[in-house]
PDB file of N, CA and C in Angstrom:
ATOM      1  N   MET A   1     -10.150  19.895 -10.802  1.00  0.00           N
ATOM      2  CA  MET A   1     -10.954  20.004  -9.599  1.00  0.00           C
ATOM      3  C   MET A   1     -10.805  21.397  -8.993  1.00  0.00           C
ATOM      4  N   PRO A   2     -11.906  21.992  -8.597  1.00  0.00           N
ATOM      5  CA  PRO A   2     -11.824  23.307  -7.951  1.00  0.00           C
ATOM      6  C   PRO A   2     -11.116  23.226  -6.598  1.00  0.00           C
ATOM      7  N   ARG A   3     -10.488  24.326  -6.213  1.00  0.00           N
ATOM      8  CA  ARG A   3      -9.744  24.385  -4.953  1.00  0.00           C
ATOM      9  C   ARG A   3     -10.599  24.035  -3.749  1.00  0.00           C
ATOM     10  N   HIS A   4     -11.879  24.400  -3.767  1.00  0.00           N
ATOM     11  CA  HIS A   4     -12.739  24.171  -2.617  1.00  0.00           C
ATOM     12  C   HIS A   4     -13.281  22.744  -2.560  1.00  0.00           C
ATOM     13  N   ASP A   5     -12.989  21.929  -3.552  1.00  0.00           N
ATOM     14  CA  ASP A   5     -13.420  20.536  -3.562  1.00  0.00           C
ATOM     15  C   ASP A   5     -12.772  19.801  -2.386  1.00  0.00           C
ATOM     16  N   PRO A   6     -13.552  19.088  -1.579  1.00  0.00           N
ATOM     17  CA  PRO A   6     -12.981  18.370  -0.425  1.00  0.00           C
ATOM     18  C   PRO A   6     -11.877  17.385  -0.814  1.00  0.00           C
ATOM     19  N   GLN A   7     -11.984  16.821  -1.999  1.00  0.00           N
ATOM     20  CA  GLN A   7     -10.944  15.888  -2.447  1.00  0.00           C
ATOM     21  C   GLN A   7      -9.599  16.597  -2.594  1.00  0.00           C
ATOM     22  N   VAL A   8      -9.645  17.845  -3.017  1.00  0.00           N
ATOM     23  CA  VAL A   8      -8.412  18.635  -3.135  1.00  0.00           C
ATOM     24  C   VAL A   8      -7.799  18.834  -1.749  1.00  0.00           C
ATOM     25  N   ARG A   9      -8.633  19.114  -0.766  1.00  0.00           N
ATOM     26  CA  ARG A   9      -8.134  19.301   0.610  1.00  0.00           C
ATOM     27  C   ARG A   9      -7.496  18.029   1.128  1.00  0.00           C
ATOM     28  N   LEU A  10      -8.132  16.896   0.877  1.00  0.00           N
ATOM     29  CA  LEU A  10      -7.566  15.612   1.298  1.00  0.00           C
ATOM     30  C   LEU A  10      -6.249  15.339   0.573  1.00  0.00           C
ATOM     31  N   GLN A  11      -6.210  15.686  -0.697  1.00  0.00           N
ATOM     32  CA  GLN A  11      -4.983  15.513  -1.476  1.00  0.00           C
ATOM     33  C   GLN A  11      -3.866  16.395  -0.924  1.00  0.00           C
ATOM     34  N   HIS A  12      -4.191  17.616  -0.536  1.00  0.00           N
ATOM     35  CA  HIS A  12      -3.187  18.494   0.073  1.00  0.00           C
ATOM     36  C   HIS A  12      -2.674  17.894   1.375  1.00  0.00           C
ATOM     37  N   MET A  13      -3.572  17.364   2.191  1.00  0.00           N
ATOM     38  CA  MET A  13      -3.153  16.726   3.441  1.00  0.00           C
ATOM     39  C   MET A  13      -2.171  15.592   3.150  1.00  0.00           C
ATOM     40  N   LEU A  14      -2.508  14.759   2.187  1.00  0.00           N
ATOM     41  CA  LEU A  14      -1.659  13.630   1.827  1.00  0.00           C
ATOM     42  C   LEU A  14      -0.311  14.108   1.295  1.00  0.00           C
ATOM     43  N   GLU A  15      -0.336  15.061   0.404  1.00  0.00           N
ATOM     44  CA  GLU A  15       0.890  15.578  -0.208  1.00  0.00           C
ATOM     45  C   GLU A  15       1.851  16.138   0.841  1.00  0.00           C
ATOM     46  N   TYR A  16       1.334  16.945   1.756  1.00  0.00           N
ATOM     47  CA  TYR A  16       2.216  17.570   2.735  1.00  0.00           C
ATOM     48  C   TYR A  16       2.620  16.620   3.850  1.00  0.00           C
ATOM     49  N   ALA A  17       1.819  15.613   4.131  1.00  0.00           N
ATOM     50  CA  ALA A  17       2.244  14.578   5.083  1.00  0.00           C
ATOM     51  C   ALA A  17       3.424  13.805   4.492  1.00  0.00           C
ATOM     52  N   ARG A  18       3.321  13.464   3.237  1.00  0.00           N
ATOM     53  CA  ARG A  18       4.430  12.784   2.561  1.00  0.00           C
ATOM     54  C   ARG A  18       5.672  13.674   2.516  1.00  0.00           C
ATOM     55  N   GLU A  19       5.457  14.958   2.260  1.00  0.00           N
ATOM     56  CA  GLU A  19       6.572  15.901   2.193  1.00  0.00           C
ATOM     57  C   GLU A  19       7.289  15.989   3.536  1.00  0.00           C
ATOM     58  N   ALA A  20       6.535  16.069   4.623  1.00  0.00           N
ATOM     59  CA  ALA A  20       7.139  16.158   5.953  1.00  0.00           C
ATOM     60  C   ALA A  20       7.964  14.919   6.263  1.00  0.00           C
ATOM     61  N   ILE A  21       7.438  13.763   5.929  1.00  0.00           N
ATOM     62  CA  ILE A  21       8.189  12.520   6.152  1.00  0.00           C
ATOM     63  C   ILE A  21       9.438  12.511   5.279  1.00  0.00           C
ATOM     64  N   GLY A  22       9.293  12.954   4.044  1.00  0.00           N
ATOM     65  CA  GLY A  22      10.453  13.014   3.155  1.00  0.00           C
ATOM     66  C   GLY A  22      11.531  13.947   3.674  1.00  0.00           C
ATOM     67  N   LEU A  23      11.130  15.065   4.243  1.00  0.00           N
ATOM     68  CA  LEU A  23      12.109  16.002   4.801  1.00  0.00           C
ATOM     69  C   LEU A  23      12.908  15.366   5.937  1.00  0.00           C
ATOM     70  N   MET A  24      12.282  14.477   6.681  1.00  0.00           N
ATOM     71  CA  MET A  24      12.936  13.862   7.839  1.00  0.00           C
ATOM     72  C   MET A  24      13.683  12.574   7.491  1.00  0.00           C
ATOM     73  N   ARG A  25      13.584  12.156   6.238  1.00  0.00           N
ATOM     74  CA  ARG A  25      14.272  10.934   5.821  1.00  0.00           C
ATOM     75  C   ARG A  25      15.771  11.082   6.087  1.00  0.00           C
ATOM     76  N   ASP A  26      16.336  10.087   6.736  1.00  0.00           N
ATOM     77  CA  ASP A  26      17.766  10.053   7.079  1.00  0.00           C
ATOM     78  C   ASP A  26      18.161  11.151   8.069  1.00  0.00           C
ATOM     79  N   LYS A  27      17.190  11.698   8.781  1.00  0.00           N
ATOM     80  CA  LYS A  27      17.473  12.735   9.784  1.00  0.00           C
ATOM     81  C   LYS A  27      17.260  12.154  11.176  1.00  0.00           C
ATOM     82  N   LYS A  28      17.798  12.848  12.146  1.00  0.00           N
ATOM     83  CA  LYS A  28      17.609  12.490  13.547  1.00  0.00           C
ATOM     84  C   LYS A  28      16.824  13.610  14.214  1.00  0.00           C
ATOM     85  N   ARG A  29      16.300  13.298  15.384  1.00  0.00           N
ATOM     86  CA  ARG A  29      15.533  14.293  16.140  1.00  0.00           C
ATOM     87  C   ARG A  29      16.339  15.582  16.339  1.00  0.00           C
ATOM     88  N   ALA A  30      17.635  15.442  16.652  1.00  0.00           N
ATOM     89  CA  ALA A  30      18.493  16.604  16.920  1.00  0.00           C
ATOM     90  C   ALA A  30      18.613  17.526  15.709  1.00  0.00           C
ATOM     91  N   ASP A  31      18.386  16.998  14.508  1.00  0.00           N
ATOM     92  CA  ASP A  31      18.481  17.832  13.310  1.00  0.00           C
ATOM     93  C   ASP A  31      17.451  18.961  13.327  1.00  0.00           C
ATOM     94  N   LEU A  32      16.325  18.730  13.990  1.00  0.00           N
ATOM     95  CA  LEU A  32      15.321  19.792  14.090  1.00  0.00           C
ATOM     96  C   LEU A  32      15.821  20.967  14.923  1.00  0.00           C
ATOM     97  N   ASP A  33      16.743  20.693  15.838  1.00  0.00           N
ATOM     98  CA  ASP A  33      17.305  21.753  16.674  1.00  0.00           C
ATOM     99  C   ASP A  33      18.421  22.517  15.971  1.00  0.00           C
ATOM    100  N   THR A  34      19.123  21.848  15.080  1.00  0.00           N
ATOM    101  CA  THR A  34      20.312  22.455  14.487  1.00  0.00           C
ATOM    102  C   THR A  34      20.118  22.958  13.059  1.00  0.00           C
ATOM    103  N   ASP A  35      19.093  22.472  12.381  1.00  0.00           N
ATOM    104  CA  ASP A  35      18.856  22.860  10.989  1.00  0.00           C
ATOM    105  C   ASP A  35      17.575  23.698  10.930  1.00  0.00           C
ATOM    106  N   ARG A  36      17.753  25.006  10.976  1.00  0.00           N
ATOM    107  CA  ARG A  36      16.595  25.918  11.013  1.00  0.00           C
ATOM    108  C   ARG A  36      15.687  25.749   9.803  1.00  0.00           C
ATOM    109  N   THR A  37      16.271  25.560   8.649  1.00  0.00           N
ATOM    110  CA  THR A  37      15.466  25.385   7.441  1.00  0.00           C
ATOM    111  C   THR A  37      14.616  24.132   7.537  1.00  0.00           C
ATOM    112  N   LEU A  38      15.189  23.061   8.019  1.00  0.00           N
ATOM    113  CA  LEU A  38      14.446  21.816   8.205  1.00  0.00           C
ATOM    114  C   LEU A  38      13.293  22.027   9.184  1.00  0.00           C
ATOM    115  N   GLY A  39      13.572  22.683  10.291  1.00  0.00           N
ATOM    116  CA  GLY A  39      12.535  22.942  11.281  1.00  0.00           C
ATOM    117  C   GLY A  39      11.397  23.768  10.705  1.00  0.00           C
ATOM    118  N   LEU A  40      11.742  24.825  10.011  1.00  0.00           N
ATOM    119  CA  LEU A  40      10.715  25.684   9.426  1.00  0.00           C
ATOM    120  C   LEU A  40       9.905  24.948   8.355  1.00  0.00           C
ATOM    121  N   ALA A  41      10.577  24.151   7.559  1.00  0.00           N
ATOM    122  CA  ALA A  41       9.885  23.412   6.492  1.00  0.00           C
ATOM    123  C   ALA A  41       8.922  22.384   7.073  1.00  0.00           C
ATOM    124  N   THR A  42       9.344  21.671   8.095  1.00  0.00           N
ATOM    125  CA  THR A  42       8.453  20.667   8.682  1.00  0.00           C
ATOM    126  C   THR A  42       7.262  21.336   9.370  1.00  0.00           C
ATOM    127  N   LEU A  43       7.514  22.446  10.047  1.00  0.00           N
ATOM    128  CA  LEU A  43       6.402  23.163  10.672  1.00  0.00           C
ATOM    129  C   LEU A  43       5.392  23.615   9.622  1.00  0.00           C
ATOM    130  N   ARG A  44       5.890  24.123   8.521  1.00  0.00           N
ATOM    131  CA  ARG A  44       4.996  24.589   7.456  1.00  0.00           C
ATOM    132  C   ARG A  44       4.154  23.436   6.909  1.00  0.00           C
ATOM    133  N   CYS A  45       4.764  22.285   6.730  1.00  0.00           N
ATOM    134  CA  CYS A  45       3.998  21.118   6.259  1.00  0.00           C
ATOM    135  C   CYS A  45       2.863  20.791   7.226  1.00  0.00           C
ATOM    136  N   LEU A  46       3.162  20.779   8.519  1.00  0.00           N
ATOM    137  CA  LEU A  46       2.136  20.466   9.515  1.00  0.00           C
ATOM    138  C   LEU A  46       1.047  21.542   9.549  1.00  0.00           C
ATOM    139  N   GLU A  47       1.431  22.789   9.371  1.00  0.00           N
ATOM    140  CA  GLU A  47       0.441  23.866   9.312  1.00  0.00           C
ATOM    141  C   GLU A  47      -0.506  23.658   8.134  1.00  0.00           C
ATOM    142  N   ILE A  48       0.036  23.303   6.990  1.00  0.00           N
ATOM    143  CA  ILE A  48      -0.790  23.114   5.793  1.00  0.00           C
ATOM    144  C   ILE A  48      -1.708  21.909   5.967  1.00  0.00           C
ATOM    145  N   ILE A  49      -1.206  20.830   6.550  1.00  0.00           N
ATOM    146  CA  ILE A  49      -2.047  19.657   6.804  1.00  0.00           C
ATOM    147  C   ILE A  49      -3.241  20.066   7.668  1.00  0.00           C
ATOM    148  N   GLY A  50      -2.978  20.821   8.714  1.00  0.00           N
ATOM    149  CA  GLY A  50      -4.046  21.250   9.604  1.00  0.00           C
ATOM    150  C   GLY A  50      -5.012  22.224   8.955  1.00  0.00           C
ATOM    151  N   GLU A  51      -4.495  23.129   8.177  1.00  0.00           N
ATOM    152  CA  GLU A  51      -5.361  24.093   7.486  1.00  0.00           C
ATOM    153  C   GLU A  51      -6.247  23.376   6.480  1.00  0.00           C
ATOM    154  N   ALA A  52      -5.666  22.456   5.722  1.00  0.00           N
ATOM    155  CA  ALA A  52      -6.460  21.688   4.758  1.00  0.00           C
ATOM    156  C   ALA A  52      -7.531  20.879   5.482  1.00  0.00           C
ATOM    157  N   ALA A  53      -7.168  20.275   6.610  1.00  0.00           N
ATOM    158  CA  ALA A  53      -8.136  19.491   7.391  1.00  0.00           C
ATOM    159  C   ALA A  53      -9.292  20.366   7.859  1.00  0.00           C
ATOM    160  N   SER A  54      -8.980  21.585   8.250  1.00  0.00           N
ATOM    161  CA  SER A  54     -10.034  22.483   8.730  1.00  0.00           C
ATOM    162  C   SER A  54     -11.005  22.867   7.622  1.00  0.00           C
ATOM    163  N   ARG A  55     -10.596  22.715   6.380  1.00  0.00           N
ATOM    164  CA  ARG A  55     -11.440  23.075   5.241  1.00  0.00           C
ATOM    165  C   ARG A  55     -12.195  21.878   4.668  1.00  0.00           C
ATOM    166  N   VAL A  56     -11.981  20.704   5.254  1.00  0.00           N
ATOM    167  CA  VAL A  56     -12.770  19.531   4.874  1.00  0.00           C
ATOM    168  C   VAL A  56     -14.129  19.686   5.558  1.00  0.00           C
ATOM    169  N   PRO A  57     -15.215  19.559   4.806  1.00  0.00           N
ATOM    170  CA  PRO A  57     -16.535  19.737   5.412  1.00  0.00           C
ATOM    171  C   PRO A  57     -16.768  18.767   6.579  1.00  0.00           C
ATOM    172  N   GLU A  58     -17.479  19.256   7.564  1.00  0.00           N
ATOM    173  CA  GLU A  58     -17.776  18.452   8.753  1.00  0.00           C
ATOM    174  C   GLU A  58     -18.451  17.139   8.383  1.00  0.00           C
ATOM    175  N   SER A  59     -19.312  17.164   7.394  1.00  0.00           N
ATOM    176  CA  SER A  59     -20.008  15.933   6.983  1.00  0.00           C
ATOM    177  C   SER A  59     -19.017  14.871   6.503  1.00  0.00           C
ATOM    178  N   LEU A  60     -17.995  15.282   5.788  1.00  0.00           N
ATOM    179  CA  LEU A  60     -16.979  14.342   5.318  1.00  0.00           C
ATOM    180  C   LEU A  60     -16.103  13.874   6.473  1.00  0.00           C
ATOM    181  N   ARG A  61     -15.801  14.774   7.395  1.00  0.00           N
ATOM    182  CA  ARG A  61     -15.021  14.387   8.575  1.00  0.00           C
ATOM    183  C   ARG A  61     -15.767  13.319   9.362  1.00  0.00           C
ATOM    184  N   GLN A  62     -17.062  13.479   9.497  1.00  0.00           N
ATOM    185  CA  GLN A  62     -17.855  12.513  10.254  1.00  0.00           C
ATOM    186  C   GLN A  62     -17.883  11.154   9.568  1.00  0.00           C
ATOM    187  N   GLN A  63     -17.740  11.129   8.272  1.00  0.00           N
ATOM    188  CA  GLN A  63     -17.697   9.863   7.537  1.00  0.00           C
ATOM    189  C   GLN A  63     -16.383   9.117   7.758  1.00  0.00           C
ATOM    190  N   HIS A  64     -15.368   9.829   8.261  1.00  0.00           N
ATOM    191  CA  HIS A  64     -14.039   9.248   8.445  1.00  0.00           C
ATOM    192  C   HIS A  64     -13.520   9.540   9.854  1.00  0.00           C
ATOM    193  N   PRO A  65     -14.180   8.975  10.864  1.00  0.00           N
ATOM    194  CA  PRO A  65     -13.779   9.252  12.250  1.00  0.00           C
ATOM    195  C   PRO A  65     -12.425   8.656  12.624  1.00  0.00           C
ATOM    196  N   GLN A  66     -11.895   7.782  11.790  1.00  0.00           N
ATOM    197  CA  GLN A  66     -10.580   7.200  12.050  1.00  0.00           C
ATOM    198  C   GLN A  66      -9.458   8.232  11.909  1.00  0.00           C
ATOM    199  N   ILE A  67      -9.759   9.340  11.274  1.00  0.00           N
ATOM    200  CA  ILE A  67      -8.785  10.428  11.154  1.00  0.00           C
ATOM    201  C   ILE A  67      -9.003  11.371  12.330  1.00  0.00           C
ATOM    202  N   PRO A  68      -7.946  11.685  13.060  1.00  0.00           N
ATOM    203  CA  PRO A  68      -8.087  12.546  14.244  1.00  0.00           C
ATOM    204  C   PRO A  68      -8.196  14.034  13.869  1.00  0.00           C
ATOM    205  N   TRP A  69      -9.300  14.405  13.263  1.00  0.00           N
ATOM    206  CA  TRP A  69      -9.505  15.760  12.756  1.00  0.00           C
ATOM    207  C   TRP A  69      -9.234  16.839  13.800  1.00  0.00           C
ATOM    208  N   PRO A  70      -9.830  16.732  15.001  1.00  0.00           N
ATOM    209  CA  PRO A  70      -9.603  17.816  15.980  1.00  0.00           C
ATOM    210  C   PRO A  70      -8.127  17.973  16.357  1.00  0.00           C
ATOM    211  N   GLN A  71      -7.413  16.866  16.470  1.00  0.00           N
ATOM    212  CA  GLN A  71      -5.991  16.940  16.820  1.00  0.00           C
ATOM    213  C   GLN A  71      -5.168  17.548  15.691  1.00  0.00           C
ATOM    214  N   ILE A  72      -5.485  17.207  14.469  1.00  0.00           N
ATOM    215  CA  ILE A  72      -4.762  17.751  13.314  1.00  0.00           C
ATOM    216  C   ILE A  72      -4.983  19.261  13.223  1.00  0.00           C
ATOM    217  N   ILE A  73      -6.220  19.667  13.349  1.00  0.00           N
ATOM    218  CA  ILE A  73      -6.546  21.091  13.273  1.00  0.00           C
ATOM    219  C   ILE A  73      -5.967  21.819  14.484  1.00  0.00           C
ATOM    220  N   GLY A  74      -6.048  21.199  15.647  1.00  0.00           N
ATOM    221  CA  GLY A  74      -5.500  21.797  16.860  1.00  0.00           C
ATOM    222  C   GLY A  74      -3.995  21.977  16.786  1.00  0.00           C
ATOM    223  N   THR A  75      -3.313  21.023  16.168  1.00  0.00           N
ATOM    224  CA  THR A  75      -1.864  21.147  15.998  1.00  0.00           C
ATOM    225  C   THR A  75      -1.537  22.358  15.141  1.00  0.00           C
ATOM    226  N   ARG A  76      -2.280  22.534  14.078  1.00  0.00           N
ATOM    227  CA  ARG A  76      -2.071  23.703  13.209  1.00  0.00           C
ATOM    228  C   ARG A  76      -2.258  24.987  14.011  1.00  0.00           C
ATOM    229  N   ASN A  77      -3.311  25.035  14.803  1.00  0.00           N
ATOM    230  CA  ASN A  77      -3.591  26.241  15.581  1.00  0.00           C
ATOM    231  C   ASN A  77      -2.491  26.518  16.604  1.00  0.00           C
ATOM    232  N   ARG A  78      -2.006  25.471  17.254  1.00  0.00           N
ATOM    233  CA  ARG A  78      -0.927  25.661  18.228  1.00  0.00           C
ATOM    234  C   ARG A  78       0.359  26.136  17.552  1.00  0.00           C
ATOM    235  N   LEU A  79       0.643  25.613  16.372  1.00  0.00           N
ATOM    236  CA  LEU A  79       1.858  26.027  15.666  1.00  0.00           C
ATOM    237  C   LEU A  79       1.772  27.484  15.212  1.00  0.00           C
ATOM    238  N   VAL A  80       0.620  27.875  14.726  1.00  0.00           N
ATOM    239  CA  VAL A  80       0.466  29.235  14.212  1.00  0.00           C
ATOM    240  C   VAL A  80       0.402  30.249  15.353  1.00  0.00           C
ATOM    241  N   HIS A  81      -0.394  29.951  16.355  1.00  0.00           N
ATOM    242  CA  HIS A  81      -0.606  30.922  17.427  1.00  0.00           C
ATOM    243  C   HIS A  81       0.431  30.814  18.531  1.00  0.00           C
ATOM    244  N   GLY A  82       1.066  29.662  18.645  1.00  0.00           N
ATOM    245  CA  GLY A  82       2.104  29.481  19.662  1.00  0.00           C
ATOM    246  C   GLY A  82       3.459  29.282  19.018  1.00  0.00           C
ATOM    247  N   TYR A  83       3.691  30.031  17.965  1.00  0.00           N
ATOM    248  CA  TYR A  83       4.922  29.885  17.182  1.00  0.00           C
ATOM    249  C   TYR A  83       6.185  29.986  18.038  1.00  0.00           C
ATOM    250  N   ASP A  84       6.090  30.685  19.159  1.00  0.00           N
ATOM    251  CA  ASP A  84       7.265  30.874  20.017  1.00  0.00           C
ATOM    252  C   ASP A  84       7.405  29.785  21.079  1.00  0.00           C
ATOM    253  N   LEU A  85       6.505  28.811  21.054  1.00  0.00           N
ATOM    254  CA  LEU A  85       6.525  27.742  22.050  1.00  0.00           C
ATOM    255  C   LEU A  85       6.573  26.355  21.412  1.00  0.00           C
ATOM    256  N   VAL A  86       7.118  26.252  20.224  1.00  0.00           N
ATOM    257  CA  VAL A  86       7.148  24.977  19.498  1.00  0.00           C
ATOM    258  C   VAL A  86       8.045  23.982  20.232  1.00  0.00           C
ATOM    259  N   ASP A  87       7.503  22.802  20.449  1.00  0.00           N
ATOM    260  CA  ASP A  87       8.232  21.704  21.087  1.00  0.00           C
ATOM    261  C   ASP A  87       8.628  20.720  19.984  1.00  0.00           C
ATOM    262  N   TYR A  88       9.902  20.692  19.649  1.00  0.00           N
ATOM    263  CA  TYR A  88      10.341  19.844  18.540  1.00  0.00           C
ATOM    264  C   TYR A  88      10.291  18.357  18.872  1.00  0.00           C
ATOM    265  N   ASP A  89      10.190  17.994  20.132  1.00  0.00           N
ATOM    266  CA  ASP A  89       9.957  16.588  20.471  1.00  0.00           C
ATOM    267  C   ASP A  89       8.581  16.173  19.958  1.00  0.00           C
ATOM    268  N   ILE A  90       7.611  17.059  20.114  1.00  0.00           N
ATOM    269  CA  ILE A  90       6.266  16.768  19.629  1.00  0.00           C
ATOM    270  C   ILE A  90       6.236  16.766  18.104  1.00  0.00           C
ATOM    271  N   ILE A  91       6.950  17.685  17.493  1.00  0.00           N
ATOM    272  CA  ILE A  91       7.014  17.725  16.021  1.00  0.00           C
ATOM    273  C   ILE A  91       7.611  16.423  15.495  1.00  0.00           C
ATOM    274  N   TRP A  92       8.708  15.994  16.095  1.00  0.00           N
ATOM    275  CA  TRP A  92       9.360  14.731  15.695  1.00  0.00           C
ATOM    276  C   TRP A  92       8.388  13.566  15.833  1.00  0.00           C
ATOM    277  N   SER A  93       7.721  13.492  16.965  1.00  0.00           N
ATOM    278  CA  SER A  93       6.764  12.415  17.212  1.00  0.00           C
ATOM    279  C   SER A  93       5.620  12.459  16.211  1.00  0.00           C
ATOM    280  N   THR A  94       5.122  13.631  15.946  1.00  0.00           N
ATOM    281  CA  THR A  94       4.023  13.781  14.989  1.00  0.00           C
ATOM    282  C   THR A  94       4.435  13.271  13.616  1.00  0.00           C
ATOM    283  N   ILE A  95       5.606  13.673  13.182  1.00  0.00           N
ATOM    284  CA  ILE A  95       6.055  13.283  11.834  1.00  0.00           C
ATOM    285  C   ILE A  95       6.377  11.791  11.767  1.00  0.00           C
ATOM    286  N   THR A  96       7.073  11.276  12.761  1.00  0.00           N
ATOM    287  CA  THR A  96       7.530   9.890  12.685  1.00  0.00           C
ATOM    288  C   THR A  96       6.473   8.875  13.101  1.00  0.00           C
ATOM    289  N   GLN A  97       5.553   9.266  13.984  1.00  0.00           N
ATOM    290  CA  GLN A  97       4.579   8.292  14.493  1.00  0.00           C
ATOM    291  C   GLN A  97       3.155   8.530  13.999  1.00  0.00           C
ATOM    292  N   ASP A  98       2.764   9.794  13.860  1.00  0.00           N
ATOM    293  CA  ASP A  98       1.371  10.086  13.519  1.00  0.00           C
ATOM    294  C   ASP A  98       1.117  10.209  12.020  1.00  0.00           C
ATOM    295  N   LEU A  99       2.085  10.709  11.284  1.00  0.00           N
ATOM    296  CA  LEU A  99       1.844  10.916   9.853  1.00  0.00           C
ATOM    297  C   LEU A  99       1.768   9.622   9.045  1.00  0.00           C
ATOM    298  N   PRO A 100       2.592   8.598   9.315  1.00  0.00           N
ATOM    299  CA  PRO A 100       2.452   7.376   8.505  1.00  0.00           C
ATOM    300  C   PRO A 100       1.041   6.767   8.537  1.00  0.00           C
ATOM    301  N   PRO A 101       0.392   6.630   9.724  1.00  0.00           N
ATOM    302  CA  PRO A 101      -0.971   6.099   9.683  1.00  0.00           C
ATOM    303  C   PRO A 101      -1.970   7.071   9.034  1.00  0.00           C
ATOM    304  N   LEU A 102      -1.727   8.374   9.167  1.00  0.00           N
ATOM    305  CA  LEU A 102      -2.592   9.340   8.495  1.00  0.00           C
ATOM    306  C   LEU A 102      -2.497   9.163   6.986  1.00  0.00           C
ATOM    307  N   ILE A 103      -1.295   9.010   6.492  1.00  0.00           N
ATOM    308  CA  ILE A 103      -1.106   8.786   5.049  1.00  0.00           C
ATOM    309  C   ILE A 103      -1.861   7.549   4.601  1.00  0.00           C
ATOM    310  N   ALA A 104      -1.757   6.484   5.355  1.00  0.00           N
ATOM    311  CA  ALA A 104      -2.455   5.238   4.990  1.00  0.00           C
ATOM    312  C   ALA A 104      -3.971   5.457   4.915  1.00  0.00           C
ATOM    313  N   GLU A 105      -4.526   6.193   5.874  1.00  0.00           N
ATOM    314  CA  GLU A 105      -5.964   6.454   5.872  1.00  0.00           C
ATOM    315  C   GLU A 105      -6.364   7.365   4.707  1.00  0.00           C
ATOM    316  N   LEU A 106      -5.580   8.386   4.456  1.00  0.00           N
ATOM    317  CA  LEU A 106      -5.887   9.275   3.348  1.00  0.00           C
ATOM    318  C   LEU A 106      -5.821   8.545   2.005  1.00  0.00           C
ATOM    319  N   GLU A 107      -4.866   7.654   1.864  1.00  0.00           N
ATOM    320  CA  GLU A 107      -4.754   6.876   0.626  1.00  0.00           C
ATOM    321  C   GLU A 107      -5.997   6.001   0.434  1.00  0.00           C
ATOM    322  N   LYS A 108      -6.532   5.459   1.511  1.00  0.00           N
ATOM    323  CA  LYS A 108      -7.760   4.642   1.409  1.00  0.00           C
ATOM    324  C   LYS A 108      -8.933   5.505   0.951  1.00  0.00           C
ATOM    325  N   ILE A 109      -9.027   6.713   1.504  1.00  0.00           N
ATOM    326  CA  ILE A 109     -10.141   7.600   1.168  1.00  0.00           C
ATOM    327  C   ILE A 109     -10.045   8.067  -0.283  1.00  0.00           C
ATOM    328  N   LEU A 110      -8.837   8.423  -0.680  1.00  0.00           N
ATOM    329  CA  LEU A 110      -8.651   8.967  -2.024  1.00  0.00           C
ATOM    330  C   LEU A 110      -8.586   7.851  -3.059  1.00  0.00           C
TER     331      LEU A 110
END
């Protein structure tokens, strides 16, 4: 499949959502404050999820309104442009509460 294929973008979203959850397996919220590598890795996963989402054509996004496209893309933008204002409480919440249902929806689509 070519890189620009929307299915590839959805697959990237799924892959990195799973990766972020895997990184946090057996971790606590405080680990994001004390383990710089963990923090950077999880942020990168969320950035990639958002970037991939932004490259999904609008027509496909409209077919799947159950996915919070604007929030996913907005999170990526806040992380990239507000790199010095990252709130790890929000990162923790995103990974532990928002990514599992996103994974379920992406699995249905794919």
